[in-house]
Amino acid sequence: MKKTVLREYARLIVRCGVNVQKGQEVLIYADLDQPEFVQMVVEEAYKAKAQKVIVEWSYQPLQKIHTRCQSVKTLGAVEEWQKARLQHYVDVVPARIHLISEDPDGLKGVNMEKQAKARKLRYPIVKPYNDKLENRDQWCIAAVPGAAWAKKVFPGMRTSVAMEKLWEAILSTSRVTEDSEKAWREHNADLKARCDYLNGLGIRSLHYTAGNGTDLTVGMIPEAIFCGGGETSLQGVYFNPNIPTEECFISPMRGKAEGIVYATKPLSYQGQLIENFSIRFEGGKAVEAKAEKGEALLNTMLSMDEGAAYLGECALVPQKSPIAESGLLFYETLFDENAACHLAMGMGFADTIRDHQNKTLEECRKLGINDSMIHVDFMIGCDTMNIDAICADGKVVPVFRAGNWAF
């Protein structure tokens, strides 16, 4: 891939993604697959007048070794120096960039029960720090090709060819053009217009049906609104948290979901795949989960904490979108969730509450925003999906027909 194109992508992530501010610290989380591109992102962050840029590397084989060799207590420990670092982040509010490239099957065989127990030990310690940063910071998740990931998406090809093909897919669906920022301004305007229409309907519930057996009704929070594209932090900085994105999303009312939903794409969770699964809800809670592959992992995910079995997000994505029309299965949630309507188990978004800027996080949660240590998206959209909005005045308004917008 041409370096000029990659440089434009790095600039997009820094300027349009997290929108680094002068004097701000920047954190970059990356795997070991693309050090040269990470270097470009670091350089672009400094061009944007970042005060300091820190890169934290991860490597799945090491994660497997640590999980195998350390005790649950050691894996779940949060040392004093780590608490001090978290407090530093609360104090300085850095911009966070997550560059995804990991192998969708990279943690296959790892002891997931052990990892889950360790996460449960860490969570109550790190949660207060995370809550203090909620909606204050800018963050952006973007992707770069990894060799194993590329071979998963393009099996049978030489690694170099698969890597180039994955680069092409990432850049095209991320709207990397000669003027990427203009393309994103236009895209954000379109998403905002759709959200404005949905927010004007007074939706009280969404009814999902599809030819695969999905029949699910999800209740909405009266004070909640649909959001999409860029958003503004409590610090007043506009940023794009996901590159790419095609969704209009809302956080539903905790405890208001009835029926069954079938996933239409595999879910890569904690480095392992869950395939051909369904979840049944009663009283808003997932009471039954079945999967052809990864059923035990799916149920582990849904039992991570009390909120893990409740919905945190409903997102609307048409089949007529760049990622869906590419015909590719990325095996990566960032892309696959933007190819189809999806739901998320776990934590909801406080910034979907109208006038959230003048409310506390606790007030938003009392209105019905779910709280959890997880937020896991899974795809449910297909070309037979219909979605109806049941509005406050009793009207039923078509929102989706045959997998696409009905307006």
Protein backbone atom coordinates (compact mmCIF):
# COMPACT_ATOMS: atom_id res chain seq x y z
CA MET A 1 0.00 0.00 0.00
CA LYS A 2 1.29 3.46 -0.92
CA LYS A 3 2.74 5.39 2.01
CA THR A 4 0.89 8.54 0.92
CA VAL A 5 -2.43 6.71 1.34
CA LEU A 6 -1.41 5.29 4.73
CA ARG A 7 -0.30 8.75 5.83
CA GLU A 8 -3.75 10.10 4.91
CA TYR A 9 -5.33 7.32 6.99
CA ALA A 10 -3.09 8.09 9.96
CA ARG A 11 -3.99 11.77 9.66
CA LEU A 12 -7.70 10.89 9.52
CA ILE A 13 -7.46 8.85 12.74
CA VAL A 14 -5.66 11.65 14.57
CA ARG A 15 -7.52 14.70 13.21
CA CYS A 16 -11.02 13.36 12.52
CA GLY A 17 -11.00 10.28 14.77
CA VAL A 18 -9.82 11.39 18.21
CA ASN A 19 -9.28 15.02 17.18
CA VAL A 20 -6.12 15.48 19.24
CA GLN A 21 -6.02 18.85 20.98
CA LYS A 22 -2.95 21.05 21.48
CA GLY A 23 -1.10 20.01 24.64
CA GLN A 24 -3.09 16.77 25.08
CA GLU A 25 -1.58 13.41 25.96
CA VAL A 26 -2.30 10.58 23.52
CA LEU A 27 -2.47 6.85 24.26
CA ILE A 28 -2.15 4.36 21.40
CA TYR A 29 -3.01 0.71 21.97
CA ALA A 30 -1.70 -1.55 19.21
CA ASP A 31 -0.68 -5.10 18.38
CA LEU A 32 2.75 -5.86 16.92
CA ASP A 33 1.58 -6.25 13.31
CA GLN A 34 2.04 -2.74 11.88
CA PRO A 35 4.86 -0.84 13.67
CA GLU A 36 5.49 1.44 10.68
CA PHE A 37 1.87 2.57 10.60
CA VAL A 38 1.87 3.09 14.37
CA GLN A 39 4.91 5.32 13.83
CA MET A 40 2.90 7.35 11.30
CA VAL A 41 0.07 7.80 13.81
CA VAL A 42 2.54 8.93 16.48
CA GLU A 43 4.05 11.46 14.06
CA GLU A 44 0.61 12.78 13.09
CA ALA A 45 -0.32 13.15 16.76
CA TYR A 46 2.75 15.30 17.36
CA LYS A 47 1.91 17.34 14.24
CA ALA A 48 -1.44 17.99 15.91
CA LYS A 49 0.53 19.45 18.87
CA ALA A 50 0.13 16.51 21.25
CA GLN A 51 2.17 17.00 24.40
CA LYS A 52 3.15 13.35 24.74
CA VAL A 53 2.32 10.12 22.91
CA ILE A 54 2.48 6.74 24.66
CA VAL A 55 2.23 3.44 22.79
CA GLU A 56 1.16 0.29 24.63
CA TRP A 57 1.80 -2.92 22.68
CA SER A 58 -0.03 -6.22 23.05
CA TYR A 59 0.69 -9.70 21.68
CA GLN A 60 -1.78 -12.57 21.86
CA PRO A 61 0.80 -15.39 22.37
CA LEU A 62 2.02 -13.57 25.48
CA GLN A 63 -1.55 -13.19 26.74
CA LYS A 64 -1.94 -16.97 26.49
CA ILE A 65 1.32 -17.58 28.37
CA HIS A 66 0.40 -15.15 31.15
CA THR A 67 -3.03 -16.73 31.53
CA ARG A 68 -1.55 -20.22 31.69
CA CYS A 69 1.27 -19.41 34.12
CA GLN A 70 -0.21 -16.85 36.52
CA SER A 71 -2.74 -17.51 39.25
CA VAL A 72 -6.18 -15.92 39.10
CA LYS A 73 -5.17 -13.67 41.99
CA THR A 74 -2.08 -12.45 40.16
CA LEU A 75 -3.90 -11.98 36.86
CA GLY A 76 -6.64 -10.02 38.62
CA ALA A 77 -4.38 -7.79 40.70
CA VAL A 78 -4.27 -4.03 40.11
CA GLU A 79 -0.98 -2.79 41.53
CA GLU A 80 -0.57 0.58 43.21
CA TRP A 81 1.46 1.94 40.27
CA GLN A 82 -1.39 0.93 37.95
CA LYS A 83 -3.89 2.78 40.13
CA ALA A 84 -1.62 5.82 40.02
CA ARG A 85 -1.54 5.62 36.22
CA LEU A 86 -5.34 5.38 36.06
CA GLN A 87 -5.63 8.42 38.32
CA HIS A 88 -3.21 10.25 36.04
CA TYR A 89 -5.49 9.54 33.09
CA VAL A 90 -8.47 10.89 35.07
CA ASP A 91 -6.48 14.04 35.81
CA VAL A 92 -5.15 14.73 32.28
CA VAL A 93 -7.95 13.18 30.13
CA PRO A 94 -5.84 11.76 27.27
CA ALA A 95 -7.04 10.95 23.75
CA ARG A 96 -7.13 7.17 23.21
CA ILE A 97 -6.49 5.43 19.88
CA HIS A 98 -7.09 1.68 19.56
CA LEU A 99 -5.55 0.09 16.46
CA ILE A 100 -7.02 -3.37 15.90
CA SER A 101 -5.16 -6.07 13.98
CA GLU A 102 -5.35 -9.19 16.13
CA ASP A 103 -6.09 -12.73 14.97
CA PRO A 104 -9.84 -13.50 15.48
CA ASP A 105 -8.79 -17.00 16.65
CA GLY A 106 -5.64 -15.82 18.42
CA LEU A 107 -6.69 -16.85 21.93
CA LYS A 108 -8.20 -20.17 20.94
CA GLY A 109 -7.59 -22.72 23.68
CA VAL A 110 -6.97 -20.17 26.43
CA ASN A 111 -8.61 -20.77 29.81
CA MET A 112 -11.54 -18.38 29.45
CA GLU A 113 -12.94 -19.19 32.89
CA LYS A 114 -9.65 -18.14 34.44
CA GLN A 115 -9.57 -14.95 32.40
CA ALA A 116 -13.16 -14.17 33.36
CA LYS A 117 -12.42 -14.61 37.07
CA ALA A 118 -9.40 -12.30 36.77
CA ARG A 119 -11.47 -9.62 34.98
CA LYS A 120 -14.06 -9.82 37.75
CA LEU A 121 -11.34 -9.16 40.32
CA ARG A 122 -9.97 -6.15 38.41
CA TYR A 123 -13.27 -4.58 37.45
CA PRO A 124 -14.44 -3.13 40.80
CA ILE A 125 -11.00 -1.53 41.22
CA VAL A 126 -10.77 0.10 37.78
CA LYS A 127 -14.49 0.95 37.46
CA PRO A 128 -14.37 4.16 39.58
CA TYR A 129 -11.59 5.52 37.37
CA ASN A 130 -13.47 4.60 34.19
CA ASP A 131 -16.65 6.22 35.49
CA LYS A 132 -14.79 9.47 36.14
CA LEU A 133 -13.63 9.51 32.51
CA GLU A 134 -17.02 8.57 31.07
CA ASN A 135 -17.87 10.93 28.18
CA ARG A 136 -15.02 13.29 29.09
CA ASP A 137 -12.35 11.87 26.79
CA GLN A 138 -12.04 11.33 23.05
CA TRP A 139 -11.33 7.87 21.72
CA CYS A 140 -11.19 6.17 18.35
CA ILE A 141 -11.10 2.54 17.30
CA ALA A 142 -9.60 1.89 13.85
CA ALA A 143 -7.95 -1.09 12.18
CA VAL A 144 -4.78 -2.18 10.41
CA PRO A 145 -4.13 -5.59 8.83
CA GLY A 146 -2.49 -8.39 10.77
CA ALA A 147 -1.16 -11.43 8.90
CA ALA A 148 -3.37 -14.00 10.65
CA TRP A 149 -6.42 -11.75 10.40
CA ALA A 150 -5.82 -11.17 6.67
CA LYS A 151 -5.51 -14.91 6.03
CA LYS A 152 -8.78 -15.46 7.90
CA VAL A 153 -10.62 -12.93 5.73
CA PHE A 154 -8.93 -14.04 2.49
CA PRO A 155 -8.18 -17.76 2.89
CA GLY A 156 -6.09 -19.47 0.23
CA MET A 157 -4.15 -16.35 -0.72
CA ARG A 158 -0.47 -15.71 -0.09
CA THR A 159 0.02 -13.68 3.08
CA SER A 160 1.34 -10.64 1.22
CA VAL A 161 -1.63 -10.63 -1.17
CA ALA A 162 -4.12 -11.13 1.67
CA MET A 163 -2.55 -8.25 3.61
CA GLU A 164 -2.83 -5.93 0.61
CA LYS A 165 -6.45 -6.97 0.02
CA LEU A 166 -7.30 -6.32 3.66
CA TRP A 167 -5.62 -2.89 3.51
CA GLU A 168 -7.78 -2.06 0.48
CA ALA A 169 -10.95 -3.18 2.27
CA ILE A 170 -10.13 -1.23 5.44
CA LEU A 171 -9.27 1.98 3.60
CA SER A 172 -12.25 1.94 1.25
CA THR A 173 -14.83 1.23 3.97
CA SER A 174 -13.16 3.83 6.21
CA ARG A 175 -13.70 6.49 3.53
CA VAL A 176 -10.02 7.23 3.06
CA THR A 177 -9.97 9.48 -0.02
CA GLU A 178 -8.00 12.45 -1.32
CA ASP A 179 -10.07 14.53 1.11
CA SER A 180 -11.03 12.10 3.86
CA GLU A 181 -12.15 14.76 6.31
CA LYS A 182 -14.67 16.15 3.79
CA ALA A 183 -15.99 12.64 3.14
CA TRP A 184 -16.50 12.16 6.86
CA ARG A 185 -18.24 15.52 7.31
CA GLU A 186 -20.75 14.52 4.62
CA HIS A 187 -21.19 11.03 6.10
CA ASN A 188 -21.74 12.41 9.61
CA ALA A 189 -24.33 14.84 8.26
CA ASP A 190 -26.28 11.95 6.71
CA LEU A 191 -26.20 9.92 9.93
CA LYS A 192 -27.33 12.97 11.94
CA ALA A 193 -30.28 13.55 9.61
CA ARG A 194 -31.44 9.95 10.09
CA CYS A 195 -31.05 10.21 13.86
CA ASP A 196 -33.05 13.46 13.87
CA TYR A 197 -35.90 11.72 12.03
CA LEU A 198 -35.91 8.77 14.45
CA ASN A 199 -35.78 11.08 17.47
CA GLY A 200 -38.81 12.96 16.18
CA LEU A 201 -40.99 9.83 16.22
CA GLY A 202 -41.24 9.45 20.01
CA ILE A 203 -40.28 5.77 19.86
CA ARG A 204 -41.20 3.67 22.92
CA SER A 205 -40.18 0.25 21.57
CA LEU A 206 -38.66 -1.45 18.54
CA HIS A 207 -40.05 -4.72 17.17
CA TYR A 208 -37.56 -6.85 15.21
CA THR A 209 -38.61 -9.74 12.96
CA ALA A 210 -36.69 -11.75 10.36
CA GLY A 211 -37.02 -14.89 8.28
CA ASN A 212 -34.54 -16.75 10.49
CA GLY A 213 -36.95 -16.70 13.45
CA THR A 214 -35.96 -13.44 15.13
CA ASP A 215 -38.96 -11.95 16.94
CA LEU A 216 -37.84 -9.47 19.59
CA THR A 217 -39.38 -6.37 21.15
CA VAL A 218 -37.07 -3.94 22.97
CA GLY A 219 -38.31 -1.05 25.12
CA MET A 220 -36.79 2.42 24.86
CA ILE A 221 -35.98 5.00 27.56
CA PRO A 222 -38.30 8.02 27.04
CA GLU A 223 -35.36 10.39 27.58
CA ALA A 224 -33.02 8.50 25.21
CA ILE A 225 -32.09 9.60 21.68
CA PHE A 226 -30.50 7.97 18.65
CA CYS A 227 -26.91 8.98 17.99
CA GLY A 228 -24.57 8.29 15.09
CA GLY A 229 -21.25 9.30 13.58
CA GLY A 230 -19.30 11.92 15.50
CA GLU A 231 -20.02 12.99 19.05
CA THR A 232 -18.92 15.74 21.42
CA SER A 233 -17.13 15.02 24.70
CA LEU A 234 -17.99 16.80 27.95
CA GLN A 235 -14.77 18.74 27.30
CA GLY A 236 -16.44 20.17 24.19
CA VAL A 237 -14.33 18.28 21.64
CA TYR A 238 -15.99 16.74 18.57
CA PHE A 239 -14.59 13.32 17.58
CA ASN A 240 -15.43 10.10 15.73
CA PRO A 241 -15.15 7.07 18.05
CA ASN A 242 -15.35 4.44 15.30
CA ILE A 243 -13.63 4.40 11.91
CA PRO A 244 -15.58 3.08 10.03
CA THR A 245 -19.16 3.57 11.24
CA GLU A 246 -22.56 3.21 9.57
CA GLU A 247 -24.87 2.98 12.59
CA CYS A 248 -27.60 4.98 14.26
CA PHE A 249 -27.70 3.66 17.81
CA ILE A 250 -29.54 4.08 21.09
CA SER A 251 -29.33 2.54 24.55
CA PRO A 252 -32.60 0.76 25.45
CA MET A 253 -34.41 0.54 28.77
CA ARG A 254 -32.82 -2.04 31.05
CA GLY A 255 -35.31 -4.81 31.74
CA LYS A 256 -37.47 -4.19 28.66
CA ALA A 257 -36.81 -6.93 26.09
CA GLU A 258 -38.99 -9.90 25.18
CA GLY A 259 -38.48 -12.60 22.58
CA ILE A 260 -35.69 -14.31 20.67
CA VAL A 261 -32.98 -13.03 18.34
CA TYR A 262 -30.67 -14.95 16.03
CA ALA A 263 -27.14 -13.79 15.22
CA THR A 264 -26.36 -13.50 11.52
CA LYS A 265 -22.56 -13.29 11.72
CA PRO A 266 -19.90 -14.95 13.92
CA LEU A 267 -18.85 -13.07 17.05
CA SER A 268 -15.15 -12.78 17.88
CA TYR A 269 -15.06 -12.48 21.68
CA GLN A 270 -11.83 -12.45 23.67
CA GLY A 271 -9.90 -13.91 20.73
CA GLN A 272 -12.32 -16.79 20.09
CA LEU A 273 -15.27 -17.25 17.74
CA ILE A 274 -18.90 -17.83 18.70
CA GLU A 275 -20.97 -18.98 15.71
CA ASN A 276 -24.63 -19.59 14.79
CA PHE A 277 -26.12 -18.51 18.10
CA SER A 278 -29.39 -17.22 19.49
CA ILE A 279 -30.38 -15.42 22.69
CA ARG A 280 -33.85 -15.48 24.27
CA PHE A 281 -34.98 -12.61 26.53
CA GLU A 282 -37.58 -12.49 29.29
CA GLY A 283 -38.12 -9.40 31.42
CA GLY A 284 -35.21 -7.78 29.62
CA LYS A 285 -32.75 -10.48 30.65
CA ALA A 286 -31.03 -13.10 28.51
CA VAL A 287 -32.45 -16.32 29.95
CA GLU A 288 -31.30 -18.78 27.29
CA ALA A 289 -28.33 -18.76 24.90
CA LYS A 290 -27.52 -21.44 22.35
CA ALA A 291 -24.66 -21.69 19.86
CA GLU A 292 -23.35 -24.27 17.40
CA LYS A 293 -19.80 -23.21 18.28
CA GLY A 294 -18.64 -21.46 21.47
CA GLU A 295 -21.79 -21.93 23.54
CA ALA A 296 -19.86 -22.20 26.82
CA LEU A 297 -17.97 -18.99 25.99
CA LEU A 298 -21.25 -17.24 25.14
CA ASN A 299 -22.74 -18.17 28.50
CA THR A 300 -19.55 -17.14 30.29
CA MET A 301 -19.84 -13.73 28.61
CA LEU A 302 -23.48 -13.37 29.69
CA SER A 303 -22.61 -14.15 33.31
CA MET A 304 -19.64 -11.78 33.71
CA ASP A 305 -21.72 -9.62 36.06
CA GLU A 306 -25.36 -8.76 36.76
CA GLY A 307 -25.60 -6.34 33.83
CA ALA A 308 -23.99 -8.63 31.26
CA ALA A 309 -27.29 -10.43 30.58
CA TYR A 310 -29.10 -7.17 29.72
CA LEU A 311 -29.00 -5.08 26.55
CA GLY A 312 -26.89 -1.94 26.36
CA GLU A 313 -27.36 -0.91 22.73
CA CYS A 314 -29.67 -1.20 19.72
CA ALA A 315 -27.98 -0.15 16.47
CA LEU A 316 -29.54 0.25 13.04
CA VAL A 317 -27.35 -0.42 9.99
CA PRO A 318 -28.68 -0.92 6.44
CA GLN A 319 -27.62 -3.74 4.14
CA LYS A 320 -26.88 -1.00 1.58
CA SER A 321 -23.68 0.22 3.25
CA PRO A 322 -20.04 0.02 2.10
CA ILE A 323 -19.08 -2.83 4.42
CA ALA A 324 -22.17 -4.93 3.70
CA GLU A 325 -21.82 -4.34 -0.04
CA SER A 326 -18.17 -5.41 0.06
CA GLY A 327 -19.46 -8.95 0.64
CA LEU A 328 -16.66 -9.60 3.13
CA LEU A 329 -16.95 -11.23 6.53
CA PHE A 330 -14.24 -9.47 8.55
CA TYR A 331 -14.46 -11.60 11.73
CA GLU A 332 -13.95 -8.28 13.55
CA THR A 333 -16.76 -6.50 15.34
CA LEU A 334 -15.66 -2.99 14.32
CA PHE A 335 -16.43 -3.89 10.69
CA ASP A 336 -19.07 -6.61 10.94
CA GLU A 337 -21.25 -4.51 13.28
CA ASN A 338 -21.26 -1.81 10.60
CA ALA A 339 -22.49 -4.24 7.96
CA ALA A 340 -25.67 -5.22 9.80
CA CYS A 341 -28.11 -4.17 12.50
CA HIS A 342 -26.78 -5.26 15.84
CA LEU A 343 -27.42 -5.39 19.55
CA ALA A 344 -24.94 -5.19 22.41
CA MET A 345 -24.98 -7.04 25.69
CA GLY A 346 -23.82 -5.15 28.77
CA MET A 347 -22.97 -1.51 29.31
CA GLY A 348 -25.16 1.18 27.80
CA PHE A 349 -24.16 4.69 26.75
CA ALA A 350 -25.00 7.55 29.09
CA ASP A 351 -24.51 10.04 26.26
CA THR A 352 -27.63 8.68 24.53
CA ILE A 353 -29.69 10.39 27.23
CA ARG A 354 -31.02 13.76 26.13
CA ASP A 355 -29.21 16.61 27.90
CA HIS A 356 -26.77 14.13 29.47
CA GLN A 357 -24.27 16.98 29.83
CA ASN A 358 -26.31 18.30 32.74
CA LYS A 359 -26.84 14.94 34.41
CA THR A 360 -24.56 12.73 36.46
CA LEU A 361 -23.64 9.25 35.27
CA GLU A 362 -25.69 7.82 38.13
CA GLU A 363 -28.75 9.85 37.08
CA CYS A 364 -28.46 8.49 33.53
CA ARG A 365 -28.30 4.94 34.84
CA LYS A 366 -31.35 5.50 37.05
CA LEU A 367 -33.29 6.43 33.91
CA GLY A 368 -32.59 2.94 32.55
CA ILE A 369 -29.07 2.88 31.07
CA ASN A 370 -27.56 -0.55 31.78
CA ASP A 371 -24.27 -0.84 33.67
CA SER A 372 -21.83 -3.72 33.18
CA MET A 373 -18.16 -4.59 32.87
CA ILE A 374 -18.75 -5.76 29.28
CA HIS A 375 -20.09 -4.20 26.11
CA VAL A 376 -20.23 -6.83 23.37
CA ASP A 377 -21.88 -6.19 19.99
CA PHE A 378 -23.38 -9.04 17.98
CA MET A 379 -24.88 -8.84 14.52
CA ILE A 380 -28.55 -9.63 13.83
CA GLY A 381 -29.26 -7.81 10.55
CA CYS A 382 -30.10 -9.62 7.30
CA ASP A 383 -32.00 -9.04 4.07
CA THR A 384 -35.25 -10.31 5.60
CA MET A 385 -35.15 -8.09 8.69
CA ASN A 386 -38.07 -5.76 9.34
CA ILE A 387 -38.11 -3.29 12.24
CA ASP A 388 -41.17 -1.36 13.39
CA ALA A 389 -41.16 1.55 15.83
CA ILE A 390 -44.04 1.64 18.29
CA CYS A 391 -44.43 5.31 19.18
CA ALA A 392 -45.74 7.16 22.23
CA ASP A 393 -48.94 8.09 20.36
CA GLY A 394 -49.59 4.44 19.50
CA LYS A 395 -48.58 4.68 15.86
CA VAL A 396 -46.51 1.90 14.30
CA VAL A 397 -43.90 3.33 11.94
CA PRO A 398 -41.77 1.15 9.61
CA VAL A 399 -38.07 1.80 10.26
CA PHE A 400 -36.51 -1.10 8.31
CA ARG A 401 -37.88 -3.23 5.51
CA ALA A 402 -35.95 -6.14 3.96
CA GLY A 403 -32.77 -5.09 5.74
CA ASN A 404 -32.75 -1.44 4.66
CA TRP A 405 -34.08 1.90 5.82
CA ALA A 406 -37.83 2.27 5.27
CA PHE A 407 -37.50 6.07 5.03
